[in-house]
Amino acid sequence: MTRVAAIDCGTNSIRLLVADADPDTGELVDLDRRMTIVRLGQGVDKTGRLAPEALERTFAACREYAAVIKEHGAEKVRFVATSASRDAENRDDFVRGVLDILGVEPEVISGDQEAEFSFTGATKELKGRDDLAKPYLVVDIGGGSTECVVGDDTVRAARSVDVGCVRMTERHLTVDGAVTDPPTAAQLDAIRADVEAALDLAEQSVPLREARTLVGLAGSVTTVAGIALGLQEYDSAAIHHSRIPYESVREIADRLAGSTHAERAAIPVMHPGRVDVIAAGALVLLAIMERTGAREVVVSEHDILDGIGWSIA
């Protein structure tokens, strides 16, 4: 057994997994798994830079995570940074801050690397399931980008496209610094147009429609699943490997797109940091299901974080 610590820093959230990796069984045994909304990508789409307040929120989470890693005595640590830090002009400030706090340098990985980690994390435990046909299409809907990966036991093709819940919210739903409440039809149409264009791009290299099972990852997908399941609080065990039909996703996406901030905030499973960006995230998921003809999405709580953990085990 190897004790590992994996950190995934995205556009909207930063997450930590401390786990014991068992190479004989192919299992990661969780010791600590946590998530903090830091909105590192705040304003990056417009300014091209990481905002000072976003960096400080992220560094505060890093200090908390450093204490957890020390407490558990992890032998190996890997910090992976994705869309927002990939796009930012001042990413060196981010790299230096993380190195000072955690003693490891964040790896600003490519979209293709991100896709491979996501696929590994999401599908490793699906092997042997005869109720889920291959190939899989794994979609990781993040804050700044969405990874689309098709594969059987390994990745066949992958593409990262720049549509995510934060990027779409800032680009199309935000006016003078405030999210429109509720969004207008024109704003929602603009999101759909961007997502459709991104899926056209993805299909140039990834056979999206050949997949037999759609596997959805990350906070937008798990939140939609929690709503569909009628949960009164966020329950990771109930959400993991739930199968949410297309009709439910469409109904929830339409409801979120027509709701106010207060109405979304009142949903029991809604994390406060997702209230303003969940409508855009749900629309991305809906568009993918419509493009591929998927009748359901299999929701996984195991994702890029688990893939990072296996990469260092």
C-alpha atoms as a PDB file:
ATOM      1  CA  MET A   1       0.000   0.000   0.000  1.00  0.00           C
ATOM      2  CA  THR A   2       1.219   3.469  -0.871  1.00  0.00           C
ATOM      3  CA  ARG A   3      -0.254   6.538   0.850  1.00  0.00           C
ATOM      4  CA  VAL A   4      -0.741   9.307  -1.694  1.00  0.00           C
ATOM      5  CA  ALA A   5      -2.097  12.837  -1.710  1.00  0.00           C
ATOM      6  CA  ALA A   6      -3.599  14.184  -4.911  1.00  0.00           C
ATOM      7  CA  ILE A   7      -4.674  17.795  -5.399  1.00  0.00           C
ATOM      8  CA  ASP A   8      -6.748  18.968  -8.353  1.00  0.00           C
ATOM      9  CA  CYS A   9      -6.970  22.730  -8.757  1.00  0.00           C
ATOM     10  CA  GLY A  10      -9.504  23.795 -11.342  1.00  0.00           C
ATOM     11  CA  THR A  11     -11.273  26.966 -12.371  1.00  0.00           C
ATOM     12  CA  ASN A  12     -13.981  26.806  -9.713  1.00  0.00           C
ATOM     13  CA  SER A  13     -12.756  24.454  -6.985  1.00  0.00           C
ATOM     14  CA  ILE A  14      -9.672  22.899  -5.438  1.00  0.00           C
ATOM     15  CA  ARG A  15      -9.929  19.339  -4.161  1.00  0.00           C
ATOM     16  CA  LEU A  16      -7.809  17.001  -2.084  1.00  0.00           C
ATOM     17  CA  LEU A  17      -7.683  13.219  -1.908  1.00  0.00           C
ATOM     18  CA  VAL A  18      -5.502  11.392   0.608  1.00  0.00           C
ATOM     19  CA  ALA A  19      -5.738   7.659   0.024  1.00  0.00           C
ATOM     20  CA  ASP A  20      -4.003   4.319   0.351  1.00  0.00           C
ATOM     21  CA  ALA A  21      -3.436   2.772  -3.062  1.00  0.00           C
ATOM     22  CA  ASP A  22      -3.572  -1.022  -3.255  1.00  0.00           C
ATOM     23  CA  PRO A  23      -1.941  -2.197  -6.502  1.00  0.00           C
ATOM     24  CA  ASP A  24      -3.144  -5.771  -5.930  1.00  0.00           C
ATOM     25  CA  THR A  25      -6.851  -4.923  -5.828  1.00  0.00           C
ATOM     26  CA  GLY A  26      -6.754  -1.776  -7.962  1.00  0.00           C
ATOM     27  CA  GLU A  27      -8.473   0.195  -5.216  1.00  0.00           C
ATOM     28  CA  LEU A  28      -7.899   3.595  -3.701  1.00  0.00           C
ATOM     29  CA  VAL A  29      -8.980   3.540  -0.066  1.00  0.00           C
ATOM     30  CA  ASP A  30     -10.028   7.072   0.873  1.00  0.00           C
ATOM     31  CA  LEU A  31      -8.640   8.576   4.071  1.00  0.00           C
ATOM     32  CA  ASP A  32      -9.706  12.154   3.348  1.00  0.00           C
ATOM     33  CA  ARG A  33     -11.534  13.664   0.384  1.00  0.00           C
ATOM     34  CA  ARG A  34     -12.539  17.328   0.446  1.00  0.00           C
ATOM     35  CA  MET A  35     -13.418  20.210  -1.822  1.00  0.00           C
ATOM     36  CA  THR A  36     -13.249  23.995  -1.459  1.00  0.00           C
ATOM     37  CA  ILE A  37     -14.794  26.501  -3.868  1.00  0.00           C
ATOM     38  CA  VAL A  38     -12.073  29.102  -4.517  1.00  0.00           C
ATOM     39  CA  ARG A  39     -13.083  30.410  -7.969  1.00  0.00           C
ATOM     40  CA  LEU A  40      -9.457  30.631  -9.092  1.00  0.00           C
ATOM     41  CA  GLY A  41     -10.664  31.390 -12.618  1.00  0.00           C
ATOM     42  CA  GLN A  42     -12.528  34.545 -11.557  1.00  0.00           C
ATOM     43  CA  GLY A  43     -12.254  36.956 -14.491  1.00  0.00           C
ATOM     44  CA  VAL A  44      -9.593  34.949 -16.374  1.00  0.00           C
ATOM     45  CA  ASP A  45     -11.726  34.687 -19.515  1.00  0.00           C
ATOM     46  CA  LYS A  46     -11.871  38.497 -19.713  1.00  0.00           C
ATOM     47  CA  THR A  47      -8.512  39.633 -18.274  1.00  0.00           C
ATOM     48  CA  GLY A  48      -6.201  36.707 -18.990  1.00  0.00           C
ATOM     49  CA  ARG A  49      -4.869  36.995 -15.419  1.00  0.00           C
ATOM     50  CA  LEU A  50      -5.495  35.360 -12.044  1.00  0.00           C
ATOM     51  CA  ALA A  51      -7.065  37.924  -9.698  1.00  0.00           C
ATOM     52  CA  PRO A  52      -5.179  38.636  -6.407  1.00  0.00           C
ATOM     53  CA  GLU A  53      -8.241  37.766  -4.300  1.00  0.00           C
ATOM     54  CA  ALA A  54      -8.699  34.491  -6.218  1.00  0.00           C
ATOM     55  CA  LEU A  55      -5.063  33.582  -5.582  1.00  0.00           C
ATOM     56  CA  GLU A  56      -5.432  34.297  -1.869  1.00  0.00           C
ATOM     57  CA  ARG A  57      -8.554  32.127  -1.602  1.00  0.00           C
ATOM     58  CA  THR A  58      -6.646  29.313  -3.305  1.00  0.00           C
ATOM     59  CA  PHE A  59      -3.571  29.716  -1.095  1.00  0.00           C
ATOM     60  CA  ALA A  60      -5.783  29.626   2.016  1.00  0.00           C
ATOM     61  CA  ALA A  61      -7.170  26.269   0.876  1.00  0.00           C
ATOM     62  CA  CYS A  62      -3.617  25.052   0.184  1.00  0.00           C
ATOM     63  CA  ARG A  63      -2.595  25.884   3.752  1.00  0.00           C
ATOM     64  CA  GLU A  64      -5.540  23.826   5.055  1.00  0.00           C
ATOM     65  CA  TYR A  65      -4.646  20.929   2.750  1.00  0.00           C
ATOM     66  CA  ALA A  66      -0.983  21.014   3.789  1.00  0.00           C
ATOM     67  CA  ALA A  67      -2.044  20.389   7.393  1.00  0.00           C
ATOM     68  CA  VAL A  68      -4.258  17.445   6.349  1.00  0.00           C
ATOM     69  CA  ILE A  69      -1.469  15.881   4.262  1.00  0.00           C
ATOM     70  CA  LYS A  70       0.976  16.195   7.157  1.00  0.00           C
ATOM     71  CA  GLU A  71      -1.541  14.705   9.594  1.00  0.00           C
ATOM     72  CA  HIS A  72      -2.033  11.608   7.425  1.00  0.00           C
ATOM     73  CA  GLY A  73       1.651  11.231   6.561  1.00  0.00           C
ATOM     74  CA  ALA A  74       1.231  10.897   2.800  1.00  0.00           C
ATOM     75  CA  GLU A  75       4.372   9.542   1.145  1.00  0.00           C
ATOM     76  CA  LYS A  76       3.821  11.106  -2.263  1.00  0.00           C
ATOM     77  CA  VAL A  77       2.068  14.334  -3.222  1.00  0.00           C
ATOM     78  CA  ARG A  78       1.063  15.544  -6.679  1.00  0.00           C
ATOM     79  CA  PHE A  79      -0.602  18.870  -7.401  1.00  0.00           C
ATOM     80  CA  VAL A  80      -2.266  19.229 -10.788  1.00  0.00           C
ATOM     81  CA  ALA A  81      -3.647  22.527 -12.062  1.00  0.00           C
ATOM     82  CA  THR A  82      -6.040  22.737 -14.968  1.00  0.00           C
ATOM     83  CA  SER A  83      -7.937  25.246 -17.088  1.00  0.00           C
ATOM     84  CA  ALA A  84      -7.670  28.601 -15.265  1.00  0.00           C
ATOM     85  CA  SER A  85      -3.957  28.359 -14.486  1.00  0.00           C
ATOM     86  CA  ARG A  86      -3.295  27.070 -17.999  1.00  0.00           C
ATOM     87  CA  ASP A  87      -4.801  30.231 -19.475  1.00  0.00           C
ATOM     88  CA  ALA A  88      -3.377  32.878 -17.112  1.00  0.00           C
ATOM     89  CA  GLU A  89      -0.501  35.238 -17.938  1.00  0.00           C
ATOM     90  CA  ASN A  90       0.581  35.421 -14.288  1.00  0.00           C
ATOM     91  CA  ARG A  91       0.527  31.707 -13.550  1.00  0.00           C
ATOM     92  CA  ASP A  92       4.092  31.990 -12.182  1.00  0.00           C
ATOM     93  CA  ASP A  93       2.640  33.819  -9.132  1.00  0.00           C
ATOM     94  CA  PHE A  94       0.361  30.845  -8.596  1.00  0.00           C
ATOM     95  CA  VAL A  95       3.195  28.327  -8.988  1.00  0.00           C
ATOM     96  CA  ARG A  96       5.428  30.144  -6.476  1.00  0.00           C
ATOM     97  CA  GLY A  97       2.650  30.425  -3.898  1.00  0.00           C
ATOM     98  CA  VAL A  98       1.775  26.731  -4.049  1.00  0.00           C
ATOM     99  CA  LEU A  99       5.428  25.700  -3.878  1.00  0.00           C
ATOM    100  CA  ASP A 100       5.962  27.844  -0.771  1.00  0.00           C
ATOM    101  CA  ILE A 101       2.952  26.341   1.015  1.00  0.00           C
ATOM    102  CA  LEU A 102       2.984  22.685  -0.027  1.00  0.00           C
ATOM    103  CA  GLY A 103       6.586  22.108  -1.031  1.00  0.00           C
ATOM    104  CA  VAL A 104       5.552  20.703  -4.408  1.00  0.00           C
ATOM    105  CA  GLU A 105       5.337  22.527  -7.694  1.00  0.00           C
ATOM    106  CA  PRO A 106       1.910  22.547  -9.342  1.00  0.00           C
ATOM    107  CA  GLU A 107       1.918  20.878 -12.719  1.00  0.00           C
ATOM    108  CA  VAL A 108      -0.080  22.921 -15.195  1.00  0.00           C
ATOM    109  CA  ILE A 109      -1.225  20.041 -17.382  1.00  0.00           C
ATOM    110  CA  SER A 110      -2.631  20.041 -20.887  1.00  0.00           C
ATOM    111  CA  GLY A 111      -6.260  19.336 -21.666  1.00  0.00           C
ATOM    112  CA  ASP A 112      -5.266  15.946 -23.068  1.00  0.00           C
ATOM    113  CA  GLN A 113      -3.495  14.989 -19.833  1.00  0.00           C
ATOM    114  CA  GLU A 114      -6.501  16.197 -17.860  1.00  0.00           C
ATOM    115  CA  ALA A 115      -8.739  14.002 -20.003  1.00  0.00           C
ATOM    116  CA  GLU A 116      -6.598  10.918 -19.437  1.00  0.00           C
ATOM    117  CA  PHE A 117      -6.603  11.363 -15.648  1.00  0.00           C
ATOM    118  CA  SER A 118     -10.374  11.868 -15.688  1.00  0.00           C
ATOM    119  CA  PHE A 119     -10.928   8.718 -17.738  1.00  0.00           C
ATOM    120  CA  THR A 120      -8.722   6.592 -15.489  1.00  0.00           C
ATOM    121  CA  GLY A 121     -10.344   7.849 -12.317  1.00  0.00           C
ATOM    122  CA  ALA A 122     -13.892   7.396 -13.608  1.00  0.00           C
ATOM    123  CA  THR A 123     -13.609   4.001 -15.299  1.00  0.00           C
ATOM    124  CA  LYS A 124     -11.087   1.997 -13.264  1.00  0.00           C
ATOM    125  CA  GLU A 125     -13.812   0.597 -11.006  1.00  0.00           C
ATOM    126  CA  LEU A 126     -16.295   0.013 -13.867  1.00  0.00           C
ATOM    127  CA  LYS A 127     -14.277  -2.911 -15.251  1.00  0.00           C
ATOM    128  CA  GLY A 128     -16.285  -6.109 -15.133  1.00  0.00           C
ATOM    129  CA  ARG A 129     -19.654  -4.305 -15.127  1.00  0.00           C
ATOM    130  CA  ASP A 130     -21.650  -6.088 -17.847  1.00  0.00           C
ATOM    131  CA  ASP A 131     -24.584  -3.659 -17.461  1.00  0.00           C
ATOM    132  CA  LEU A 132     -22.510  -0.756 -18.840  1.00  0.00           C
ATOM    133  CA  ALA A 133     -21.550  -1.222 -22.472  1.00  0.00           C
ATOM    134  CA  LYS A 134     -18.265  -0.001 -23.933  1.00  0.00           C
ATOM    135  CA  PRO A 135     -16.939   2.238 -25.279  1.00  0.00           C
ATOM    136  CA  TYR A 136     -17.413   4.840 -22.568  1.00  0.00           C
ATOM    137  CA  LEU A 137     -17.706   8.569 -23.154  1.00  0.00           C
ATOM    138  CA  VAL A 138     -16.375  10.304 -20.059  1.00  0.00           C
ATOM    139  CA  VAL A 139     -17.267  14.001 -19.804  1.00  0.00           C
ATOM    140  CA  ASP A 140     -15.685  16.126 -17.088  1.00  0.00           C
ATOM    141  CA  ILE A 141     -17.579  19.430 -16.961  1.00  0.00           C
ATOM    142  CA  GLY A 142     -15.316  21.818 -15.103  1.00  0.00           C
ATOM    143  CA  GLY A 143     -15.348  25.523 -14.459  1.00  0.00           C
ATOM    144  CA  GLY A 144     -13.293  26.600 -17.448  1.00  0.00           C
ATOM    145  CA  SER A 145     -13.295  23.599 -19.756  1.00  0.00           C
ATOM    146  CA  THR A 146     -14.970  20.298 -20.506  1.00  0.00           C
ATOM    147  CA  GLU A 147     -12.983  17.158 -21.261  1.00  0.00           C
ATOM    148  CA  CYS A 148     -14.521  14.609 -23.623  1.00  0.00           C
ATOM    149  CA  VAL A 149     -12.839  11.209 -23.616  1.00  0.00           C
ATOM    150  CA  VAL A 150     -13.821   8.036 -25.465  1.00  0.00           C
ATOM    151  CA  GLY A 151     -12.258   4.701 -24.636  1.00  0.00           C
ATOM    152  CA  ASP A 152     -12.699   1.096 -23.578  1.00  0.00           C
ATOM    153  CA  ASP A 153     -10.102   0.037 -21.004  1.00  0.00           C
ATOM    154  CA  THR A 154      -7.787   2.824 -22.155  1.00  0.00           C
ATOM    155  CA  VAL A 155      -8.253   6.205 -23.819  1.00  0.00           C
ATOM    156  CA  ARG A 156      -8.990   6.020 -27.534  1.00  0.00           C
ATOM    157  CA  ALA A 157      -9.469   9.741 -28.188  1.00  0.00           C
ATOM    158  CA  ALA A 158      -9.738  12.881 -26.069  1.00  0.00           C
ATOM    159  CA  ARG A 159     -10.370  16.580 -26.504  1.00  0.00           C
ATOM    160  CA  SER A 160     -10.596  19.478 -24.090  1.00  0.00           C
ATOM    161  CA  VAL A 161     -12.884  22.331 -25.132  1.00  0.00           C
ATOM    162  CA  ASP A 162     -13.213  25.749 -23.502  1.00  0.00           C
ATOM    163  CA  VAL A 163     -16.766  25.552 -22.235  1.00  0.00           C
ATOM    164  CA  GLY A 164     -17.270  25.221 -18.488  1.00  0.00           C
ATOM    165  CA  CYS A 165     -19.798  26.436 -15.948  1.00  0.00           C
ATOM    166  CA  VAL A 166     -17.740  29.434 -14.769  1.00  0.00           C
ATOM    167  CA  ARG A 167     -16.523  30.479 -18.214  1.00  0.00           C
ATOM    168  CA  MET A 168     -20.055  30.344 -19.693  1.00  0.00           C
ATOM    169  CA  THR A 169     -21.541  32.180 -16.706  1.00  0.00           C
ATOM    170  CA  GLU A 170     -18.972  34.989 -16.859  1.00  0.00           C
ATOM    171  CA  ARG A 171     -19.130  35.250 -20.651  1.00  0.00           C
ATOM    172  CA  HIS A 172     -22.893  35.167 -21.156  1.00  0.00           C
ATOM    173  CA  LEU A 173     -24.822  35.541 -17.892  1.00  0.00           C
ATOM    174  CA  THR A 174     -22.879  38.324 -16.164  1.00  0.00           C
ATOM    175  CA  VAL A 175     -23.637  42.012 -16.718  1.00  0.00           C
ATOM    176  CA  ASP A 176     -21.692  44.720 -14.833  1.00  0.00           C
ATOM    177  CA  GLY A 177     -20.303  42.120 -12.449  1.00  0.00           C
ATOM    178  CA  ALA A 178     -23.667  40.602 -11.503  1.00  0.00           C
ATOM    179  CA  VAL A 179     -25.246  37.378 -12.738  1.00  0.00           C
ATOM    180  CA  THR A 180     -28.610  38.021 -14.429  1.00  0.00           C
ATOM    181  CA  ASP A 181     -31.429  36.799 -12.197  1.00  0.00           C
ATOM    182  CA  PRO A 182     -32.935  34.847 -13.910  1.00  0.00           C
ATOM    183  CA  PRO A 183     -31.081  34.616 -17.250  1.00  0.00           C
ATOM    184  CA  THR A 184     -32.759  35.904 -20.404  1.00  0.00           C
ATOM    185  CA  ALA A 185     -33.622  33.692 -23.366  1.00  0.00           C
ATOM    186  CA  ALA A 186     -30.961  35.452 -25.439  1.00  0.00           C
ATOM    187  CA  GLN A 187     -28.280  34.746 -22.822  1.00  0.00           C
ATOM    188  CA  LEU A 188     -29.211  31.068 -22.666  1.00  0.00           C
ATOM    189  CA  ASP A 189     -29.193  30.837 -26.473  1.00  0.00           C
ATOM    190  CA  ALA A 190     -25.667  32.289 -26.462  1.00  0.00           C
ATOM    191  CA  ILE A 191     -24.490  29.575 -24.064  1.00  0.00           C
ATOM    192  CA  ARG A 192     -26.071  26.861 -26.199  1.00  0.00           C
ATOM    193  CA  ALA A 193     -24.394  28.258 -29.327  1.00  0.00           C
ATOM    194  CA  ASP A 194     -20.971  28.238 -27.635  1.00  0.00           C
ATOM    195  CA  VAL A 195     -21.443  24.685 -26.365  1.00  0.00           C
ATOM    196  CA  GLU A 196     -22.618  23.408 -29.759  1.00  0.00           C
ATOM    197  CA  ALA A 197     -19.571  24.995 -31.427  1.00  0.00           C
ATOM    198  CA  ALA A 198     -17.317  23.379 -28.821  1.00  0.00           C
ATOM    199  CA  LEU A 199     -18.886  19.969 -29.412  1.00  0.00           C
ATOM    200  CA  ASP A 200     -18.366  20.421 -33.165  1.00  0.00           C
ATOM    201  CA  LEU A 201     -14.689  20.976 -32.349  1.00  0.00           C
ATOM    202  CA  ALA A 202     -14.550  17.951 -30.057  1.00  0.00           C
ATOM    203  CA  GLU A 203     -16.109  15.736 -32.715  1.00  0.00           C
ATOM    204  CA  GLN A 204     -13.258  16.502 -35.100  1.00  0.00           C
ATOM    205  CA  SER A 205     -11.084  14.150 -33.041  1.00  0.00           C
ATOM    206  CA  VAL A 206     -13.393  12.289 -30.623  1.00  0.00           C
ATOM    207  CA  PRO A 207     -16.156   9.937 -31.872  1.00  0.00           C
ATOM    208  CA  LEU A 208     -18.719  11.164 -29.344  1.00  0.00           C
ATOM    209  CA  ARG A 209     -21.657   9.328 -30.936  1.00  0.00           C
ATOM    210  CA  GLU A 210     -19.931   5.933 -30.938  1.00  0.00           C
ATOM    211  CA  ALA A 211     -20.022   5.705 -27.139  1.00  0.00           C
ATOM    212  CA  ARG A 212     -22.444   3.241 -25.571  1.00  0.00           C
ATOM    213  CA  THR A 213     -22.251   4.582 -21.985  1.00  0.00           C
ATOM    214  CA  LEU A 214     -22.037   8.243 -20.940  1.00  0.00           C
ATOM    215  CA  VAL A 215     -20.161   8.805 -17.671  1.00  0.00           C
ATOM    216  CA  GLY A 216     -20.439  12.309 -16.163  1.00  0.00           C
ATOM    217  CA  LEU A 217     -18.002  13.867 -13.706  1.00  0.00           C
ATOM    218  CA  ALA A 218     -17.548  16.966 -11.538  1.00  0.00           C
ATOM    219  CA  GLY A 219     -19.747  19.308  -9.554  1.00  0.00           C
ATOM    220  CA  SER A 220     -22.274  20.360 -12.187  1.00  0.00           C
ATOM    221  CA  VAL A 221     -23.099  16.721 -12.954  1.00  0.00           C
ATOM    222  CA  THR A 222     -23.172  15.527  -9.341  1.00  0.00           C
ATOM    223  CA  THR A 223     -25.386  18.463  -8.350  1.00  0.00           C
ATOM    224  CA  VAL A 224     -27.868  17.694 -11.138  1.00  0.00           C
ATOM    225  CA  ALA A 225     -27.839  14.067  -9.947  1.00  0.00           C
ATOM    226  CA  GLY A 226     -28.522  15.117  -6.352  1.00  0.00           C
ATOM    227  CA  ILE A 227     -31.495  17.191  -7.502  1.00  0.00           C
ATOM    228  CA  ALA A 228     -32.814  14.347  -9.670  1.00  0.00           C
ATOM    229  CA  LEU A 229     -32.565  11.926  -6.742  1.00  0.00           C
ATOM    230  CA  GLY A 230     -34.481  14.326  -4.491  1.00  0.00           C
ATOM    231  CA  LEU A 231     -31.747  14.329  -1.845  1.00  0.00           C
ATOM    232  CA  GLN A 232     -32.284  16.544   1.182  1.00  0.00           C
ATOM    233  CA  GLU A 233     -28.518  16.928   1.634  1.00  0.00           C
ATOM    234  CA  TYR A 234     -25.489  16.121  -0.455  1.00  0.00           C
ATOM    235  CA  ASP A 235     -24.849  12.364  -0.231  1.00  0.00           C
ATOM    236  CA  SER A 236     -21.781  11.234  -2.168  1.00  0.00           C
ATOM    237  CA  ALA A 237     -22.568   7.522  -1.723  1.00  0.00           C
ATOM    238  CA  ALA A 238     -26.082   7.931  -3.129  1.00  0.00           C
ATOM    239  CA  ILE A 239     -24.864   9.998  -6.074  1.00  0.00           C
ATOM    240  CA  HIS A 240     -21.916   7.750  -7.016  1.00  0.00           C
ATOM    241  CA  HIS A 241     -22.898   5.503  -9.945  1.00  0.00           C
ATOM    242  CA  SER A 242     -26.483   6.779  -9.975  1.00  0.00           C
ATOM    243  CA  ARG A 243     -28.060   6.662 -13.427  1.00  0.00           C
ATOM    244  CA  ILE A 244     -29.961   9.822 -14.319  1.00  0.00           C
ATOM    245  CA  PRO A 245     -32.258   9.657 -17.357  1.00  0.00           C
ATOM    246  CA  TYR A 246     -32.174  12.273 -20.115  1.00  0.00           C
ATOM    247  CA  GLU A 247     -35.722  13.432 -19.304  1.00  0.00           C
ATOM    248  CA  SER A 248     -34.681  14.306 -15.741  1.00  0.00           C
ATOM    249  CA  VAL A 249     -31.592  16.188 -16.908  1.00  0.00           C
ATOM    250  CA  ARG A 250     -33.658  18.188 -19.397  1.00  0.00           C
ATOM    251  CA  GLU A 251     -36.294  19.076 -16.786  1.00  0.00           C
ATOM    252  CA  ILE A 252     -33.665  20.131 -14.228  1.00  0.00           C
ATOM    253  CA  ALA A 253     -31.645  22.141 -16.763  1.00  0.00           C
ATOM    254  CA  ASP A 254     -34.806  24.007 -17.842  1.00  0.00           C
ATOM    255  CA  ARG A 255     -35.767  24.641 -14.203  1.00  0.00           C
ATOM    256  CA  LEU A 256     -32.318  25.948 -13.252  1.00  0.00           C
ATOM    257  CA  ALA A 257     -32.146  28.163 -16.352  1.00  0.00           C
ATOM    258  CA  GLY A 258     -35.453  29.796 -15.409  1.00  0.00           C
ATOM    259  CA  SER A 259     -34.806  30.215 -11.699  1.00  0.00           C
ATOM    260  CA  THR A 260     -33.557  33.054  -9.531  1.00  0.00           C
ATOM    261  CA  HIS A 261     -30.477  33.040  -7.303  1.00  0.00           C
ATOM    262  CA  ALA A 262     -32.691  32.567  -4.234  1.00  0.00           C
ATOM    263  CA  GLU A 263     -34.536  29.635  -5.787  1.00  0.00           C
ATOM    264  CA  ARG A 264     -31.318  27.868  -6.731  1.00  0.00           C
ATOM    265  CA  ALA A 265     -29.770  28.551  -3.319  1.00  0.00           C
ATOM    266  CA  ALA A 266     -32.789  26.922  -1.643  1.00  0.00           C
ATOM    267  CA  ILE A 267     -32.164  23.558  -3.352  1.00  0.00           C
ATOM    268  CA  PRO A 268     -30.982  21.239  -0.538  1.00  0.00           C
ATOM    269  CA  VAL A 269     -27.988  19.683  -2.353  1.00  0.00           C
ATOM    270  CA  MET A 270     -26.718  22.985  -3.789  1.00  0.00           C
ATOM    271  CA  HIS A 271     -23.254  24.061  -2.648  1.00  0.00           C
ATOM    272  CA  PRO A 272     -23.238  27.854  -2.108  1.00  0.00           C
ATOM    273  CA  GLY A 273     -20.315  28.200  -4.518  1.00  0.00           C
ATOM    274  CA  ARG A 274     -22.315  26.610  -7.349  1.00  0.00           C
ATOM    275  CA  VAL A 275     -25.504  28.672  -7.106  1.00  0.00           C
ATOM    276  CA  ASP A 276     -24.546  31.150  -9.829  1.00  0.00           C
ATOM    277  CA  VAL A 277     -22.829  28.700 -12.187  1.00  0.00           C
ATOM    278  CA  ILE A 278     -25.030  25.586 -12.016  1.00  0.00           C
ATOM    279  CA  ALA A 279     -27.437  26.687 -14.756  1.00  0.00           C
ATOM    280  CA  ALA A 280     -24.609  26.926 -17.279  1.00  0.00           C
ATOM    281  CA  GLY A 281     -23.144  23.602 -16.132  1.00  0.00           C
ATOM    282  CA  ALA A 282     -26.490  21.824 -16.507  1.00  0.00           C
ATOM    283  CA  LEU A 283     -26.879  23.238 -20.017  1.00  0.00           C
ATOM    284  CA  VAL A 284     -23.469  21.820 -20.999  1.00  0.00           C
ATOM    285  CA  LEU A 285     -24.509  18.365 -19.762  1.00  0.00           C
ATOM    286  CA  LEU A 286     -27.857  18.573 -21.569  1.00  0.00           C
ATOM    287  CA  ALA A 287     -26.190  19.571 -24.840  1.00  0.00           C
ATOM    288  CA  ILE A 288     -23.798  16.611 -24.637  1.00  0.00           C
ATOM    289  CA  MET A 289     -26.670  14.188 -24.037  1.00  0.00           C
ATOM    290  CA  GLU A 290     -28.600  15.622 -26.966  1.00  0.00           C
ATOM    291  CA  ARG A 291     -25.564  15.520 -29.250  1.00  0.00           C
ATOM    292  CA  THR A 292     -24.807  11.875 -28.438  1.00  0.00           C
ATOM    293  CA  GLY A 293     -28.356  10.602 -28.030  1.00  0.00           C
ATOM    294  CA  ALA A 294     -27.538   9.311 -24.531  1.00  0.00           C
ATOM    295  CA  ARG A 295     -30.655   8.125 -22.715  1.00  0.00           C
ATOM    296  CA  GLU A 296     -28.966   8.407 -19.319  1.00  0.00           C
ATOM    297  CA  VAL A 297     -25.788   9.608 -17.631  1.00  0.00           C
ATOM    298  CA  VAL A 298     -23.908   7.413 -15.181  1.00  0.00           C
ATOM    299  CA  VAL A 299     -22.648   9.792 -12.492  1.00  0.00           C
ATOM    300  CA  SER A 300     -19.236   9.205 -10.938  1.00  0.00           C
ATOM    301  CA  GLU A 301     -17.796  10.798  -7.825  1.00  0.00           C
ATOM    302  CA  HIS A 302     -14.425   9.327  -8.832  1.00  0.00           C
ATOM    303  CA  ASP A 303     -12.721  11.445 -11.429  1.00  0.00           C
ATOM    304  CA  ILE A 304      -9.516  13.319 -12.218  1.00  0.00           C
ATOM    305  CA  LEU A 305      -8.565  13.321  -8.521  1.00  0.00           C
ATOM    306  CA  ASP A 306      -8.527   9.522  -8.468  1.00  0.00           C
ATOM    307  CA  GLY A 307      -6.605   9.457 -11.755  1.00  0.00           C
ATOM    308  CA  ILE A 308      -3.956  11.741 -10.255  1.00  0.00           C
ATOM    309  CA  GLY A 309      -3.778   9.443  -7.219  1.00  0.00           C
ATOM    310  CA  TRP A 310      -3.147   6.393  -9.397  1.00  0.00           C
ATOM    311  CA  SER A 311      -0.516   8.245 -11.404  1.00  0.00           C
ATOM    312  CA  ILE A 312       1.698   8.535  -8.310  1.00  0.00           C
ATOM    313  CA  ALA A 313       0.792   5.274  -6.554  1.00  0.00           C
END
